[in-house]
Amino acid sequence: MKNLKALGALAATFALAGALNAGNFSEKNAKVSFDQAIGIAQQNFGDATIKSVEIDDEHGRLVYEIESYKEGSENEIKIDAQSGEILKTQTQKKLKPSKIDYSQVKISAADARAKALSANAGWDFRKVDLESNGGKPAYEVKLRQGMSKKEVLIDAATGEQILQRQK
């Protein structure tokens, strides 16, 4: 019985440690920078518009997941953030028209990320995603500081900050 209690306590300790460390990764821990990852994606998909960039922990591996769009096709590439190794590429035709008018997009995902980070010193980048905001293209930039999360909305045509909210 004592062994079962000790085993249960040990399992609870590991579960708590895992919960505390969940999402406790950062672009700062990557050897491949955001700009280098974008460069790798552009080498593979040419002049496609970068739609989304996310840095995430996939099974203990820090990975950039980048999505781009060009002429009715969506491209996805996963890049190891330590080595720059391409883990996966995929291209698929979009059957439905995009809700985003790409002709209105004047700033890049990198520019939106830089703007959000410069206005939020001490916060770490998590994701930038191009979306439709009331019919206009906007980048949603997700940031994290410890367990706190923040979303910054940047107008993709003007580069102006539209909204900022903390969760």
C-alpha atoms as a PDB file:
ATOM      1  CA  MET A   1       0.000   0.000   0.000  1.00  0.00           C
ATOM      2  CA  LYS A   2       2.861   2.370   0.865  1.00  0.00           C
ATOM      3  CA  ASN A   3       4.404   1.635  -2.531  1.00  0.00           C
ATOM      4  CA  LEU A   4       1.160   2.566  -4.291  1.00  0.00           C
ATOM      5  CA  LYS A   5       0.940   5.858  -2.395  1.00  0.00           C
ATOM      6  CA  ALA A   6       4.573   6.645  -3.149  1.00  0.00           C
ATOM      7  CA  LEU A   7       4.057   5.776  -6.812  1.00  0.00           C
ATOM      8  CA  GLY A   8       0.932   7.983  -6.933  1.00  0.00           C
ATOM      9  CA  ALA A   9       2.821  10.883  -5.338  1.00  0.00           C
ATOM     10  CA  LEU A  10       5.664  10.462  -7.809  1.00  0.00           C
ATOM     11  CA  ALA A  11       3.245  10.419 -10.750  1.00  0.00           C
ATOM     12  CA  ALA A  12       1.529  13.566  -9.435  1.00  0.00           C
ATOM     13  CA  THR A  13       4.925  15.285  -9.117  1.00  0.00           C
ATOM     14  CA  PHE A  14       5.817  14.469 -12.746  1.00  0.00           C
ATOM     15  CA  ALA A  15       2.377  15.592 -13.933  1.00  0.00           C
ATOM     16  CA  LEU A  16       2.755  18.923 -12.109  1.00  0.00           C
ATOM     17  CA  ALA A  17       6.262  19.429 -13.481  1.00  0.00           C
ATOM     18  CA  GLY A  18       4.991  18.701 -16.986  1.00  0.00           C
ATOM     19  CA  ALA A  19       2.129  21.168 -16.566  1.00  0.00           C
ATOM     20  CA  LEU A  20       4.481  23.875 -15.332  1.00  0.00           C
ATOM     21  CA  ASN A  21       6.850  23.313 -18.247  1.00  0.00           C
ATOM     22  CA  ALA A  22       4.119  23.006 -20.885  1.00  0.00           C
ATOM     23  CA  GLY A  23       4.643  25.801 -23.358  1.00  0.00           C
ATOM     24  CA  ASN A  24       7.762  26.882 -21.463  1.00  0.00           C
ATOM     25  CA  PHE A  25       9.828  27.047 -24.632  1.00  0.00           C
ATOM     26  CA  SER A  26      10.975  30.052 -26.528  1.00  0.00           C
ATOM     27  CA  GLU A  27      12.244  31.209 -29.872  1.00  0.00           C
ATOM     28  CA  LYS A  28      15.256  32.356 -27.829  1.00  0.00           C
ATOM     29  CA  ASN A  29      16.132  28.654 -27.401  1.00  0.00           C
ATOM     30  CA  ALA A  30      16.214  28.087 -31.173  1.00  0.00           C
ATOM     31  CA  LYS A  31      19.496  28.004 -33.092  1.00  0.00           C
ATOM     32  CA  VAL A  32      17.606  28.804 -36.305  1.00  0.00           C
ATOM     33  CA  SER A  33      16.192  32.329 -36.195  1.00  0.00           C
ATOM     34  CA  PHE A  34      12.719  33.366 -37.315  1.00  0.00           C
ATOM     35  CA  ASP A  35      14.237  35.081 -40.376  1.00  0.00           C
ATOM     36  CA  GLN A  36      16.311  32.001 -41.267  1.00  0.00           C
ATOM     37  CA  ALA A  37      13.205  29.800 -41.036  1.00  0.00           C
ATOM     38  CA  ILE A  38      11.318  32.216 -43.334  1.00  0.00           C
ATOM     39  CA  GLY A  39      14.268  32.038 -45.752  1.00  0.00           C
ATOM     40  CA  ILE A  40      14.123  28.235 -45.813  1.00  0.00           C
ATOM     41  CA  ALA A  41      10.380  28.369 -46.518  1.00  0.00           C
ATOM     42  CA  GLN A  42      10.874  30.896 -49.325  1.00  0.00           C
ATOM     43  CA  GLN A  43      13.584  28.725 -50.902  1.00  0.00           C
ATOM     44  CA  ASN A  44      11.028  25.926 -51.084  1.00  0.00           C
ATOM     45  CA  PHE A  45       7.915  27.891 -52.053  1.00  0.00           C
ATOM     46  CA  GLY A  46       9.261  30.888 -53.963  1.00  0.00           C
ATOM     47  CA  ASP A  47       7.437  34.182 -53.682  1.00  0.00           C
ATOM     48  CA  ALA A  48       4.347  32.806 -51.942  1.00  0.00           C
ATOM     49  CA  THR A  49       2.828  35.046 -49.247  1.00  0.00           C
ATOM     50  CA  ILE A  50       3.704  33.838 -45.752  1.00  0.00           C
ATOM     51  CA  LYS A  51       0.348  33.294 -44.064  1.00  0.00           C
ATOM     52  CA  SER A  52       1.356  31.804 -40.723  1.00  0.00           C
ATOM     53  CA  VAL A  53       4.498  31.119 -38.693  1.00  0.00           C
ATOM     54  CA  GLU A  54       4.419  29.287 -35.386  1.00  0.00           C
ATOM     55  CA  ILE A  55       7.171  28.017 -33.141  1.00  0.00           C
ATOM     56  CA  ASP A  56       6.051  25.029 -31.132  1.00  0.00           C
ATOM     57  CA  ASP A  57       7.257  22.024 -29.182  1.00  0.00           C
ATOM     58  CA  GLU A  58       6.443  18.838 -31.073  1.00  0.00           C
ATOM     59  CA  HIS A  59       7.320  15.763 -29.036  1.00  0.00           C
ATOM     60  CA  GLY A  60      10.230  17.519 -27.336  1.00  0.00           C
ATOM     61  CA  ARG A  61      11.506  19.089 -30.550  1.00  0.00           C
ATOM     62  CA  LEU A  62      11.341  22.856 -31.172  1.00  0.00           C
ATOM     63  CA  VAL A  63       9.783  23.314 -34.629  1.00  0.00           C
ATOM     64  CA  TYR A  64       8.804  26.204 -36.895  1.00  0.00           C
ATOM     65  CA  GLU A  65       5.581  25.518 -38.790  1.00  0.00           C
ATOM     66  CA  ILE A  66       5.175  27.895 -41.730  1.00  0.00           C
ATOM     67  CA  GLU A  67       2.178  28.173 -44.048  1.00  0.00           C
ATOM     68  CA  SER A  68       2.157  30.203 -47.259  1.00  0.00           C
ATOM     69  CA  TYR A  69      -0.312  30.926 -50.028  1.00  0.00           C
ATOM     70  CA  LYS A  70       0.090  31.469 -53.773  1.00  0.00           C
ATOM     71  CA  GLU A  71      -2.420  31.328 -56.605  1.00  0.00           C
ATOM     72  CA  GLY A  72      -4.945  28.977 -55.008  1.00  0.00           C
ATOM     73  CA  SER A  73      -2.407  26.713 -53.292  1.00  0.00           C
ATOM     74  CA  GLU A  74      -1.489  26.478 -49.634  1.00  0.00           C
ATOM     75  CA  ASN A  75       1.990  25.308 -48.709  1.00  0.00           C
ATOM     76  CA  GLU A  76       3.166  24.013 -45.355  1.00  0.00           C
ATOM     77  CA  ILE A  77       6.703  23.396 -44.170  1.00  0.00           C
ATOM     78  CA  LYS A  78       7.982  22.228 -40.790  1.00  0.00           C
ATOM     79  CA  ILE A  79      11.559  23.125 -39.906  1.00  0.00           C
ATOM     80  CA  ASP A  80      13.624  21.904 -36.957  1.00  0.00           C
ATOM     81  CA  ALA A  81      14.452  25.080 -34.991  1.00  0.00           C
ATOM     82  CA  GLN A  82      17.802  23.661 -33.849  1.00  0.00           C
ATOM     83  CA  SER A  83      19.234  22.289 -37.097  1.00  0.00           C
ATOM     84  CA  GLY A  84      17.238  23.924 -39.906  1.00  0.00           C
ATOM     85  CA  GLU A  85      16.346  20.454 -41.189  1.00  0.00           C
ATOM     86  CA  ILE A  86      13.115  20.324 -43.180  1.00  0.00           C
ATOM     87  CA  LEU A  87      10.870  17.831 -41.420  1.00  0.00           C
ATOM     88  CA  LYS A  88       7.835  18.057 -43.719  1.00  0.00           C
ATOM     89  CA  THR A  89       6.577  19.878 -46.795  1.00  0.00           C
ATOM     90  CA  GLN A  90       3.092  19.778 -48.228  1.00  0.00           C
ATOM     91  CA  THR A  91       1.223  21.644 -50.966  1.00  0.00           C
ATOM     92  CA  GLN A  92      -2.502  21.443 -51.521  1.00  0.00           C
ATOM     93  CA  LYS A  93      -4.923  23.198 -53.826  1.00  0.00           C
ATOM     94  CA  LYS A  94      -7.580  25.273 -52.102  1.00  0.00           C
ATOM     95  CA  LEU A  95     -11.054  24.348 -53.285  1.00  0.00           C
ATOM     96  CA  LYS A  96     -12.753  27.283 -51.557  1.00  0.00           C
ATOM     97  CA  PRO A  97     -11.732  30.852 -52.327  1.00  0.00           C
ATOM     98  CA  SER A  98      -9.678  32.485 -49.591  1.00  0.00           C
ATOM     99  CA  LYS A  99     -11.395  34.900 -47.212  1.00  0.00           C
ATOM    100  CA  ILE A 100      -8.236  37.011 -47.387  1.00  0.00           C
ATOM    101  CA  ASP A 101      -7.690  39.489 -50.209  1.00  0.00           C
ATOM    102  CA  TYR A 102      -3.948  38.964 -50.665  1.00  0.00           C
ATOM    103  CA  SER A 103      -3.710  41.978 -52.986  1.00  0.00           C
ATOM    104  CA  GLN A 104      -4.303  44.186 -49.905  1.00  0.00           C
ATOM    105  CA  VAL A 105      -1.413  42.642 -47.934  1.00  0.00           C
ATOM    106  CA  LYS A 106       1.409  45.210 -47.942  1.00  0.00           C
ATOM    107  CA  ILE A 107       3.528  44.162 -44.951  1.00  0.00           C
ATOM    108  CA  SER A 108       5.098  40.793 -44.265  1.00  0.00           C
ATOM    109  CA  ALA A 109       4.520  38.399 -41.385  1.00  0.00           C
ATOM    110  CA  ALA A 110       8.067  39.261 -40.251  1.00  0.00           C
ATOM    111  CA  ASP A 111       7.196  42.981 -40.174  1.00  0.00           C
ATOM    112  CA  ALA A 112       4.030  42.306 -38.124  1.00  0.00           C
ATOM    113  CA  ARG A 113       6.008  40.140 -35.691  1.00  0.00           C
ATOM    114  CA  ALA A 114       8.700  42.813 -35.317  1.00  0.00           C
ATOM    115  CA  LYS A 115       6.099  45.531 -34.682  1.00  0.00           C
ATOM    116  CA  ALA A 116       4.325  43.470 -32.000  1.00  0.00           C
ATOM    117  CA  LEU A 117       7.600  42.550 -30.277  1.00  0.00           C
ATOM    118  CA  SER A 118       8.921  46.131 -30.321  1.00  0.00           C
ATOM    119  CA  ALA A 119       5.743  47.332 -28.607  1.00  0.00           C
ATOM    120  CA  ASN A 120       5.930  44.510 -26.036  1.00  0.00           C
ATOM    121  CA  ALA A 121       9.471  44.318 -24.659  1.00  0.00           C
ATOM    122  CA  GLY A 122      10.206  41.176 -22.661  1.00  0.00           C
ATOM    123  CA  TRP A 123       7.537  39.086 -24.395  1.00  0.00           C
ATOM    124  CA  ASP A 124       8.387  35.990 -26.471  1.00  0.00           C
ATOM    125  CA  PHE A 125       7.015  35.286 -29.933  1.00  0.00           C
ATOM    126  CA  ARG A 126       4.735  32.264 -30.383  1.00  0.00           C
ATOM    127  CA  LYS A 127       2.771  32.693 -33.610  1.00  0.00           C
ATOM    128  CA  VAL A 128       1.819  35.116 -36.364  1.00  0.00           C
ATOM    129  CA  ASP A 129      -1.227  34.359 -38.499  1.00  0.00           C
ATOM    130  CA  LEU A 130      -2.742  36.267 -41.433  1.00  0.00           C
ATOM    131  CA  GLU A 131      -6.524  36.368 -41.161  1.00  0.00           C
ATOM    132  CA  SER A 132      -9.530  38.358 -42.285  1.00  0.00           C
ATOM    133  CA  ASN A 133     -10.614  41.046 -39.831  1.00  0.00           C
ATOM    134  CA  GLY A 134     -13.916  42.492 -40.955  1.00  0.00           C
ATOM    135  CA  GLY A 135     -13.016  41.820 -44.587  1.00  0.00           C
ATOM    136  CA  LYS A 136      -9.548  43.371 -44.261  1.00  0.00           C
ATOM    137  CA  PRO A 137      -6.332  41.365 -43.892  1.00  0.00           C
ATOM    138  CA  ALA A 138      -4.658  41.514 -40.479  1.00  0.00           C
ATOM    139  CA  TYR A 139      -1.901  39.633 -38.722  1.00  0.00           C
ATOM    140  CA  GLU A 140      -2.691  38.176 -35.317  1.00  0.00           C
ATOM    141  CA  VAL A 141       0.574  37.942 -33.383  1.00  0.00           C
ATOM    142  CA  LYS A 142       0.569  35.735 -30.289  1.00  0.00           C
ATOM    143  CA  LEU A 143       3.099  36.451 -27.556  1.00  0.00           C
ATOM    144  CA  ARG A 144       3.901  34.830 -24.213  1.00  0.00           C
ATOM    145  CA  GLN A 145       5.641  35.955 -21.044  1.00  0.00           C
ATOM    146  CA  GLY A 146       5.810  33.156 -18.494  1.00  0.00           C
ATOM    147  CA  MET A 147       2.256  31.867 -18.210  1.00  0.00           C
ATOM    148  CA  SER A 148       0.740  35.127 -19.518  1.00  0.00           C
ATOM    149  CA  LYS A 149      -0.456  35.352 -23.117  1.00  0.00           C
ATOM    150  CA  LYS A 150      -1.044  38.371 -25.317  1.00  0.00           C
ATOM    151  CA  GLU A 151      -2.537  38.829 -28.788  1.00  0.00           C
ATOM    152  CA  VAL A 152      -1.670  41.805 -30.977  1.00  0.00           C
ATOM    153  CA  LEU A 153      -3.615  42.526 -34.170  1.00  0.00           C
ATOM    154  CA  ILE A 154      -1.656  44.343 -36.909  1.00  0.00           C
ATOM    155  CA  ASP A 155      -3.319  45.740 -40.061  1.00  0.00           C
ATOM    156  CA  ALA A 156      -1.664  43.886 -42.990  1.00  0.00           C
ATOM    157  CA  ALA A 157      -2.160  46.853 -45.343  1.00  0.00           C
ATOM    158  CA  THR A 158      -0.893  49.702 -43.150  1.00  0.00           C
ATOM    159  CA  GLY A 159       1.194  48.026 -40.442  1.00  0.00           C
ATOM    160  CA  GLU A 160      -0.784  49.844 -37.756  1.00  0.00           C
ATOM    161  CA  GLN A 161      -1.692  48.100 -34.514  1.00  0.00           C
ATOM    162  CA  ILE A 162      -5.448  47.542 -34.400  1.00  0.00           C
ATOM    163  CA  LEU A 163      -5.887  45.789 -31.068  1.00  0.00           C
ATOM    164  CA  GLN A 164      -3.990  44.296 -28.168  1.00  0.00           C
ATOM    165  CA  ARG A 165      -5.445  41.993 -25.524  1.00  0.00           C
ATOM    166  CA  GLN A 166      -3.896  40.041 -22.705  1.00  0.00           C
ATOM    167  CA  LYS A 167      -5.220  36.712 -21.524  1.00  0.00           C
END
